[in-house]
């Protein structure tokens, strides 16, 4: 039987006790949309001069918090180990909107998260924002620097220049004492070995505990893809991108960072707990326009996931308006059951990205199930030494982890033909 790996099987509305789940909250607003970005985001209107509120943001927060409360109650969740506020650019919220959002969130969460992260871009970082976040309990800041090279920033459509990133790092050094993650993008046309090394030198000097390094990818439907199709911009050079990325791996490893996931580097003990929940496919709730939740269905004989998807709520225009037909208190969430073959592949796709690999203690039936659905591919990679298996884990050995796509394509082909 030929089947497509991401074919989803529609299911009934499930309700089962999860007890413990991480939370992602999508704030879909940005001051501008970068050319390479394919996340759902919109440019909001100007805030009201007296109240500091924008109706589309206020209503988005309200509906999102109602949806989160409903999901927490539906799945009997009493512990939230991590919260990640992403976007968009959550730092775009005004002081009034921030207070409204964080007060509401505090009411909804059943426990205080161990790791409480918020994502922001350099141009939105101010002393006032940092001091507010400290008081609100945020203990991890993720900053989308991407690069400090002016030509590269221009290529990806960033409105702010390198000075904005440097100023943000300076403010963080003065007014922030908790954990920091910095995002970097390699392989942007115009970047070179020397520009990358300069970026890494400046960024590591600011003493972040965590750095994420991603090669530039051109996603279909983005402004960058359109510009490349019209030959207005050159496409990224894949070989150069890979070489620069490996240079970043070498540089950061030498600086004491552990490459605990393909694109993520952390000082000892500073690994991102929230992202580890994704890579290990632990339960997580995603709320807000276009957000996704993933919860493993407690069935003893099969590995299946319940996937909940929120539809985009706002049109991607410069004059957004609230869509009142968007989910009313979370009732229009799309629900799908991910069938076992698809679920096994997702566990492979996510877990093999990490240095630790897939925990066989956490998933005792996984190896047996994988051996039955993809025996040829599994045996081939084990015999070649690409995949190592012991009593605790299944993982990709050494540098082969950086070429994971080829490994996954082989598994995918055999699983599809099952």
Protein backbone atom coordinates (compact mmCIF):
# COMPACT_ATOMS: atom_id res chain seq x y z
CA UNK A 1 0.00 0.00 0.00
CA UNK A 2 1.42 3.39 -0.99
CA UNK A 3 0.66 6.15 1.46
CA UNK A 4 1.94 9.64 2.03
CA UNK A 5 3.81 10.18 5.25
CA UNK A 6 1.96 13.33 6.31
CA UNK A 7 -1.48 12.11 5.38
CA UNK A 8 -3.53 12.88 8.46
CA UNK A 9 -6.43 10.82 9.66
CA UNK A 10 -9.34 13.00 10.86
CA UNK A 11 -10.45 12.03 14.34
CA UNK A 12 -13.16 12.73 16.86
CA UNK A 13 -12.69 15.27 19.63
CA UNK A 14 -10.41 13.57 22.12
CA UNK A 15 -10.17 14.43 25.76
CA UNK A 16 -7.71 12.61 27.98
CA UNK A 17 -5.55 13.56 30.97
CA UNK A 18 -2.13 14.87 29.97
CA UNK A 19 -1.24 16.45 33.31
CA UNK A 20 2.05 18.05 32.13
CA UNK A 21 2.57 20.08 28.93
CA UNK A 22 4.68 22.94 27.65
CA UNK A 23 3.00 26.01 26.15
CA UNK A 24 3.78 28.03 23.02
CA UNK A 25 1.92 31.33 22.53
CA UNK A 26 1.97 32.94 19.10
CA UNK A 27 1.86 36.75 19.00
CA UNK A 28 1.49 37.30 15.23
CA UNK A 29 2.56 40.94 14.94
CA UNK A 30 5.73 42.54 13.55
CA UNK A 31 6.88 46.06 12.74
CA UNK A 32 7.78 44.72 9.28
CA UNK A 33 7.87 41.33 7.57
CA UNK A 34 11.37 40.13 6.68
CA UNK A 35 11.72 38.84 3.12
CA UNK A 36 12.74 35.31 4.15
CA UNK A 37 10.14 34.81 6.89
CA UNK A 38 7.34 32.28 6.36
CA UNK A 39 5.81 32.47 9.84
CA UNK A 40 2.29 33.86 10.10
CA UNK A 41 2.59 37.52 11.05
CA UNK A 42 0.98 40.87 10.25
CA UNK A 43 1.81 44.55 10.67
CA UNK A 44 -0.58 46.09 13.24
CA UNK A 45 -2.15 49.52 13.23
CA UNK A 46 -0.84 52.37 15.38
CA UNK A 47 -1.84 52.16 19.07
CA UNK A 48 -4.50 54.45 20.51
CA UNK A 49 -2.79 57.59 21.80
CA UNK A 50 -4.50 57.52 25.21
CA UNK A 51 -4.94 53.81 25.99
CA UNK A 52 -1.92 52.37 24.16
CA UNK A 53 -4.08 49.53 22.83
CA UNK A 54 -4.74 48.27 19.31
CA UNK A 55 -8.05 46.40 18.89
CA UNK A 56 -6.55 43.60 16.78
CA UNK A 57 -3.85 42.92 19.38
CA UNK A 58 -6.15 43.19 22.39
CA UNK A 59 -8.66 40.78 20.86
CA UNK A 60 -5.94 38.38 19.74
CA UNK A 61 -4.61 38.21 23.30
CA UNK A 62 -8.08 37.74 24.76
CA UNK A 63 -9.10 34.96 22.37
CA UNK A 64 -5.73 33.24 22.70
CA UNK A 65 -5.90 33.19 26.50
CA UNK A 66 -9.46 31.81 26.42
CA UNK A 67 -8.29 29.04 24.08
CA UNK A 68 -5.34 28.24 26.35
CA UNK A 69 -7.57 28.02 29.40
CA UNK A 70 -9.95 25.68 27.57
CA UNK A 71 -7.15 23.34 26.48
CA UNK A 72 -5.63 23.24 29.96
CA UNK A 73 -9.02 22.27 31.40
CA UNK A 74 -9.84 19.82 28.59
CA UNK A 75 -6.64 17.83 29.09
CA UNK A 76 -6.46 18.16 32.90
CA UNK A 77 -3.07 19.87 32.80
CA UNK A 78 -1.76 20.96 36.18
CA UNK A 79 1.93 21.52 35.43
CA UNK A 80 3.46 23.77 32.76
CA UNK A 81 7.25 23.15 32.70
CA UNK A 82 8.02 25.70 29.99
CA UNK A 83 6.37 28.67 28.27
CA UNK A 84 7.63 30.21 25.04
CA UNK A 85 6.14 33.46 23.72
CA UNK A 86 6.98 33.75 20.03
CA UNK A 87 5.83 35.40 16.87
CA UNK A 88 5.95 37.62 15.07
CA UNK A 89 7.72 39.91 17.48
CA UNK A 90 6.16 39.84 20.97
CA UNK A 91 8.36 42.82 21.86
CA UNK A 92 6.11 44.94 19.63
CA UNK A 93 3.46 45.07 22.38
CA UNK A 94 3.00 48.45 24.04
CA UNK A 95 3.31 48.79 27.82
CA UNK A 96 -0.51 48.61 28.15
CA UNK A 97 -0.74 45.55 25.93
CA UNK A 98 2.11 43.80 27.78
CA UNK A 99 0.47 44.32 31.16
CA UNK A 100 -2.86 43.04 29.84
CA UNK A 101 -1.23 39.98 28.29
CA UNK A 102 1.00 38.96 31.20
CA UNK A 103 -1.73 39.55 33.81
CA UNK A 104 -4.12 37.37 31.80
CA UNK A 105 -1.49 34.69 31.28
CA UNK A 106 -0.72 34.55 35.00
CA UNK A 107 -4.42 33.91 35.68
CA UNK A 108 -4.61 31.08 33.15
CA UNK A 109 -1.43 29.09 33.90
CA UNK A 110 -1.91 26.41 36.58
CA UNK A 111 1.77 26.52 37.63
CA UNK A 112 4.84 28.70 37.36
CA UNK A 113 7.06 27.49 34.50
CA UNK A 114 10.64 26.49 35.20
CA UNK A 115 11.70 28.06 31.89
CA UNK A 116 9.82 31.16 30.70
CA UNK A 117 11.06 32.44 27.34
CA UNK A 118 10.16 35.36 25.14
CA UNK A 119 11.34 36.03 21.62
CA UNK A 120 12.09 39.52 20.35
CA UNK A 121 13.99 41.41 17.67
CA UNK A 122 16.77 43.92 18.38
CA UNK A 123 14.78 47.02 17.40
CA UNK A 124 12.12 46.34 20.07
CA UNK A 125 14.54 45.88 22.99
CA UNK A 126 14.48 48.76 25.46
CA UNK A 127 15.42 49.19 29.10
CA UNK A 128 11.71 49.45 29.97
CA UNK A 129 10.91 46.16 28.20
CA UNK A 130 13.76 44.28 29.90
CA UNK A 131 12.82 45.57 33.36
CA UNK A 132 9.19 44.63 32.75
CA UNK A 133 10.09 41.08 31.68
CA UNK A 134 12.23 40.57 34.77
CA UNK A 135 9.29 41.54 37.01
CA UNK A 136 6.93 39.34 34.96
CA UNK A 137 9.07 36.27 35.63
CA UNK A 138 10.55 35.78 32.15
CA UNK A 139 13.94 34.12 32.63
CA UNK A 140 15.06 33.46 29.05
CA UNK A 141 15.26 35.96 26.21
CA UNK A 142 15.65 34.86 22.58
CA UNK A 143 16.91 37.57 20.24
CA UNK A 144 16.71 37.36 16.45
CA UNK A 145 19.99 39.08 15.59
CA UNK A 146 20.46 36.93 12.41
CA UNK A 147 23.59 38.86 11.39
CA UNK A 148 25.43 42.09 12.12
CA UNK A 149 26.51 42.56 8.52
CA UNK A 150 24.72 45.45 6.80
CA UNK A 151 24.65 43.93 3.30
CA UNK A 152 23.27 40.65 4.63
CA UNK A 153 20.58 42.42 6.66
CA UNK A 154 19.54 44.32 3.55
CA UNK A 155 19.35 41.07 1.56
CA UNK A 156 16.90 39.44 3.99
CA UNK A 157 14.78 42.60 4.19
CA UNK A 158 15.56 43.69 7.72
CA UNK A 159 14.61 47.34 8.23
CA UNK A 160 17.09 47.86 11.04
CA UNK A 161 20.87 47.88 10.56
CA UNK A 162 23.74 46.30 12.50
CA UNK A 163 23.81 49.15 15.03
CA UNK A 164 20.37 48.09 16.22
CA UNK A 165 21.70 44.63 17.07
CA UNK A 166 24.76 46.03 18.82
CA UNK A 167 22.63 48.45 20.84
CA UNK A 168 20.33 45.60 21.88
CA UNK A 169 23.29 43.55 23.09
CA UNK A 170 24.53 46.55 25.07
CA UNK A 171 21.13 47.04 26.75
CA UNK A 172 20.91 43.36 27.60
CA UNK A 173 24.36 43.50 29.16
CA UNK A 174 23.20 46.33 31.44
CA UNK A 175 19.62 45.35 32.34
CA UNK A 176 19.30 41.58 31.91
CA UNK A 177 20.85 38.91 34.14
CA UNK A 178 18.95 35.78 33.11
CA UNK A 179 19.57 33.44 30.18
CA UNK A 180 19.99 34.68 26.61
CA UNK A 181 19.65 32.92 23.26
CA UNK A 182 20.83 34.59 20.07
CA UNK A 183 19.68 33.46 16.62
CA UNK A 184 22.15 33.63 13.73
CA UNK A 185 21.60 32.86 10.04
CA UNK A 186 24.51 31.70 7.88
CA UNK A 187 24.89 31.63 4.11
CA UNK A 188 23.17 34.92 3.31
CA UNK A 189 24.53 36.09 -0.06
CA UNK A 190 27.24 38.64 0.58
CA UNK A 191 28.40 36.97 3.78
CA UNK A 192 31.92 35.55 3.96
CA UNK A 193 34.09 33.67 6.41
CA UNK A 194 35.35 36.96 7.84
CA UNK A 195 31.84 38.46 8.28
CA UNK A 196 30.68 35.28 10.04
CA UNK A 197 33.68 35.28 12.35
CA UNK A 198 33.06 38.94 13.16
CA UNK A 199 29.40 38.15 13.99
CA UNK A 200 30.43 35.27 16.24
CA UNK A 201 33.14 37.33 17.93
CA UNK A 202 30.73 40.16 18.82
CA UNK A 203 27.95 37.82 19.88
CA UNK A 204 30.03 35.52 22.09
CA UNK A 205 31.54 38.61 23.72
CA UNK A 206 28.04 39.42 25.02
CA UNK A 207 28.15 36.13 26.99
CA UNK A 208 24.98 34.35 25.82
CA UNK A 209 24.34 30.90 27.28
CA UNK A 210 22.71 29.66 24.09
CA UNK A 211 23.17 30.33 20.36
CA UNK A 212 21.08 28.98 17.47
CA UNK A 213 22.67 28.88 14.00
CA UNK A 214 20.54 28.19 10.93
CA UNK A 215 21.55 28.10 7.27
CA UNK A 216 19.39 30.48 5.20
CA UNK A 217 16.55 28.63 3.50
CA UNK A 218 14.31 30.08 0.82
CA UNK A 219 10.72 29.13 1.63
CA UNK A 220 8.04 29.04 -1.05
CA UNK A 221 5.66 31.99 -0.94
CA UNK A 222 8.05 34.40 0.77
CA UNK A 223 9.11 37.77 -0.61
CA UNK A 224 12.66 36.41 -0.92
CA UNK A 225 11.51 33.48 -3.07
CA UNK A 226 9.61 35.92 -5.28
CA UNK A 227 12.65 38.20 -5.67
CA UNK A 228 14.85 35.24 -6.59
CA UNK A 229 12.31 34.01 -9.16
CA UNK A 230 12.41 37.46 -10.79
CA UNK A 231 16.24 37.38 -10.64
CA UNK A 232 16.20 40.51 -8.48
CA UNK A 233 18.31 38.67 -5.90
CA UNK A 234 20.80 35.84 -6.15
CA UNK A 235 19.86 32.56 -4.47
CA UNK A 236 21.99 31.40 -1.54
CA UNK A 237 25.08 29.40 -2.49
CA UNK A 238 24.45 26.00 -0.88
CA UNK A 239 28.10 24.99 -0.69
CA UNK A 240 29.12 28.33 0.83
CA UNK A 241 26.20 28.15 3.26
CA UNK A 242 27.28 24.70 4.46
CA UNK A 243 30.92 25.74 4.79
CA UNK A 244 30.00 28.80 6.84
CA UNK A 245 27.69 26.75 9.00
CA UNK A 246 30.46 24.23 9.74
CA UNK A 247 32.76 27.13 10.60
CA UNK A 248 30.15 28.30 13.11
CA UNK A 249 30.03 24.78 14.59
CA UNK A 250 33.83 24.75 14.97
CA UNK A 251 33.98 28.27 16.42
CA UNK A 252 31.26 27.70 19.01
CA UNK A 253 32.54 24.26 20.01
CA UNK A 254 35.97 25.78 20.63
CA UNK A 255 34.27 28.49 22.73
CA UNK A 256 32.80 25.84 25.05
CA UNK A 257 29.33 25.44 23.57
CA UNK A 258 27.83 21.96 23.24
CA UNK A 259 26.17 21.25 19.88
CA UNK A 260 23.29 19.40 21.55
CA UNK A 261 20.97 19.72 18.53
CA UNK A 262 21.83 20.17 14.86
CA UNK A 263 21.34 23.95 14.92
CA UNK A 264 21.58 24.69 18.64
CA UNK A 265 24.53 25.29 20.92
CA UNK A 266 24.48 25.71 24.68
CA UNK A 267 26.87 26.11 27.55
CA UNK A 268 26.60 23.18 30.00
CA UNK A 269 23.18 23.20 31.66
CA UNK A 270 21.74 25.94 29.42
CA UNK A 271 19.97 23.75 26.87
CA UNK A 272 16.54 25.06 25.87
CA UNK A 273 14.02 22.95 27.78
CA UNK A 274 11.14 24.17 25.64
CA UNK A 275 12.73 23.13 22.36
CA UNK A 276 13.73 19.79 23.87
CA UNK A 277 10.03 19.13 24.42
CA UNK A 278 9.52 19.58 20.66
CA UNK A 279 12.45 17.38 19.64
CA UNK A 280 11.41 14.64 22.08
CA UNK A 281 7.74 15.03 21.07
CA UNK A 282 6.68 15.57 24.66
CA UNK A 283 3.20 17.10 25.11
CA UNK A 284 2.91 20.76 24.17
CA UNK A 285 0.08 23.22 23.61
CA UNK A 286 0.32 25.86 20.91
CA UNK A 287 -2.19 28.71 20.98
CA UNK A 288 -2.70 31.78 18.83
CA UNK A 289 -3.19 32.20 15.08
CA UNK A 290 -1.63 29.26 13.14
CA UNK A 291 -0.21 27.63 16.31
CA UNK A 292 -0.08 23.84 16.67
CA UNK A 293 -0.45 21.51 19.66
CA UNK A 294 0.84 17.94 19.84
CA UNK A 295 -0.28 15.40 22.44
CA UNK A 296 0.46 11.68 22.44
CA UNK A 297 -2.72 9.60 22.64
CA UNK A 298 -2.48 7.18 25.58
CA UNK A 299 -3.06 3.90 23.74
CA UNK A 300 -1.02 0.86 24.75
CA UNK A 301 -0.78 -0.81 21.34
CA UNK A 302 0.05 2.06 18.97
CA UNK A 303 2.04 5.32 18.97
CA UNK A 304 -0.27 8.09 17.76
CA UNK A 305 -0.42 11.84 18.23
CA UNK A 306 -3.35 14.20 18.44
CA UNK A 307 -2.50 17.35 16.47
CA UNK A 308 -4.53 20.53 17.07
CA UNK A 309 -4.11 23.43 14.65
CA UNK A 310 -5.40 26.98 15.04
CA UNK A 311 -6.31 28.73 11.78
CA UNK A 312 -4.77 32.11 10.90
CA UNK A 313 -7.03 34.83 12.24
CA UNK A 314 -5.86 37.94 10.48
CA UNK A 315 -5.27 38.78 6.83
CA UNK A 316 -1.62 39.36 5.91
CA UNK A 317 -2.03 42.98 4.95
CA UNK A 318 -0.80 46.26 6.36
CA UNK A 319 -4.29 47.06 7.66
CA UNK A 320 -5.33 43.96 9.61
CA UNK A 321 -8.75 43.60 11.15
CA UNK A 322 -10.03 41.11 13.66
CA UNK A 323 -11.89 38.20 12.10
CA UNK A 324 -14.79 37.50 14.46
CA UNK A 325 -15.35 34.14 12.80
CA UNK A 326 -11.94 33.00 13.99
CA UNK A 327 -12.17 30.29 16.64
CA UNK A 328 -14.68 31.30 19.32
CA UNK A 329 -13.12 30.26 22.60
CA UNK A 330 -11.15 27.60 20.75
CA UNK A 331 -14.11 25.75 19.22
CA UNK A 332 -12.88 25.86 15.61
CA UNK A 333 -9.56 24.11 16.18
CA UNK A 334 -8.71 21.61 13.47
CA UNK A 335 -8.09 18.20 15.03
CA UNK A 336 -6.19 15.34 13.39
CA UNK A 337 -4.90 12.00 14.55
CA UNK A 338 -1.43 11.27 13.23
CA UNK A 339 -1.40 7.57 12.30
CA UNK A 340 1.34 5.34 13.67
CA UNK A 341 3.60 5.22 10.57
CA UNK A 342 3.51 9.01 10.39
CA UNK A 343 4.14 9.24 14.14
CA UNK A 344 7.16 6.92 13.96
CA UNK A 345 8.65 9.06 11.21
CA UNK A 346 8.06 12.26 13.19
CA UNK A 347 9.84 10.74 16.19
CA UNK A 348 12.78 9.94 13.89
CA UNK A 349 12.73 13.36 12.23
CA UNK A 350 12.77 15.25 15.52
CA UNK A 351 14.72 12.95 17.82
CA UNK A 352 17.66 12.28 15.49
CA UNK A 353 18.38 16.02 15.41
CA UNK A 354 19.63 15.83 18.99
CA UNK A 355 22.98 14.64 20.28
CA UNK A 356 21.23 12.30 22.73
CA UNK A 357 18.97 10.84 20.05
CA UNK A 358 15.69 9.01 20.72
CA UNK A 359 15.28 7.73 24.25
CA UNK A 360 14.33 4.04 24.21
CA UNK A 361 13.55 4.28 27.92
CA UNK A 362 10.94 6.93 27.16
CA UNK A 363 9.67 4.98 24.13
CA UNK A 364 10.30 1.25 24.85
CA UNK A 365 8.24 0.03 21.87
CA UNK A 366 9.74 2.40 19.30
CA UNK A 367 12.68 0.26 18.12
CA UNK A 368 10.52 -2.82 17.61
CA UNK A 369 7.92 -0.85 15.64
CA UNK A 370 10.57 0.86 13.50
CA UNK A 371 12.22 -2.51 12.79
CA UNK A 372 8.94 -3.79 11.40
CA UNK A 373 8.05 -0.78 9.23
CA UNK A 374 11.54 0.10 7.91
CA UNK A 375 13.81 -2.92 8.52
CA UNK A 376 15.98 -2.53 5.40
CA UNK A 377 16.83 1.14 6.01
CA UNK A 378 17.44 0.66 9.72
CA UNK A 379 19.76 -2.31 9.17
CA UNK A 380 21.65 -0.47 6.42
CA UNK A 381 22.42 2.56 8.58
CA UNK A 382 23.28 0.44 11.63
CA UNK A 383 25.67 -1.72 9.61
CA UNK A 384 27.34 1.38 8.16
CA UNK A 385 27.79 2.82 11.62
CA UNK A 386 25.62 5.83 10.80
CA UNK A 387 23.04 4.92 13.44
CA UNK A 388 24.02 3.62 16.84
CA UNK A 389 21.68 1.67 19.11
CA UNK A 390 22.19 0.78 22.75
CA UNK A 391 19.88 -0.05 25.63
CA UNK A 392 19.12 3.64 26.20
CA UNK A 393 18.94 5.33 22.82
CA UNK A 394 18.90 5.31 19.04
CA UNK A 395 20.96 8.11 17.55
CA UNK A 396 22.94 9.24 14.56
CA UNK A 397 26.67 8.87 15.06
CA UNK A 398 29.17 11.72 14.83
CA UNK A 399 29.09 14.20 11.93
CA UNK A 400 26.44 12.20 10.05
CA UNK A 401 23.87 14.10 12.12
CA UNK A 402 24.57 17.17 10.01
CA UNK A 403 23.38 15.32 6.90
CA UNK A 404 20.18 14.10 8.48
CA UNK A 405 17.99 14.89 5.46
CA UNK A 406 19.55 12.07 3.44
CA UNK A 407 18.96 9.58 6.27
CA UNK A 408 15.35 10.67 6.69
CA UNK A 409 14.65 10.45 2.95
CA UNK A 410 15.70 6.81 3.02
CA UNK A 411 13.43 6.02 5.96
CA UNK A 412 10.60 7.96 4.36
CA UNK A 413 10.80 5.99 1.11
CA UNK A 414 10.55 2.65 2.89
CA UNK A 415 7.78 3.78 5.24
CA UNK A 416 5.77 5.10 2.29
CA UNK A 417 6.01 1.76 0.52
CA UNK A 418 4.89 -0.22 3.57
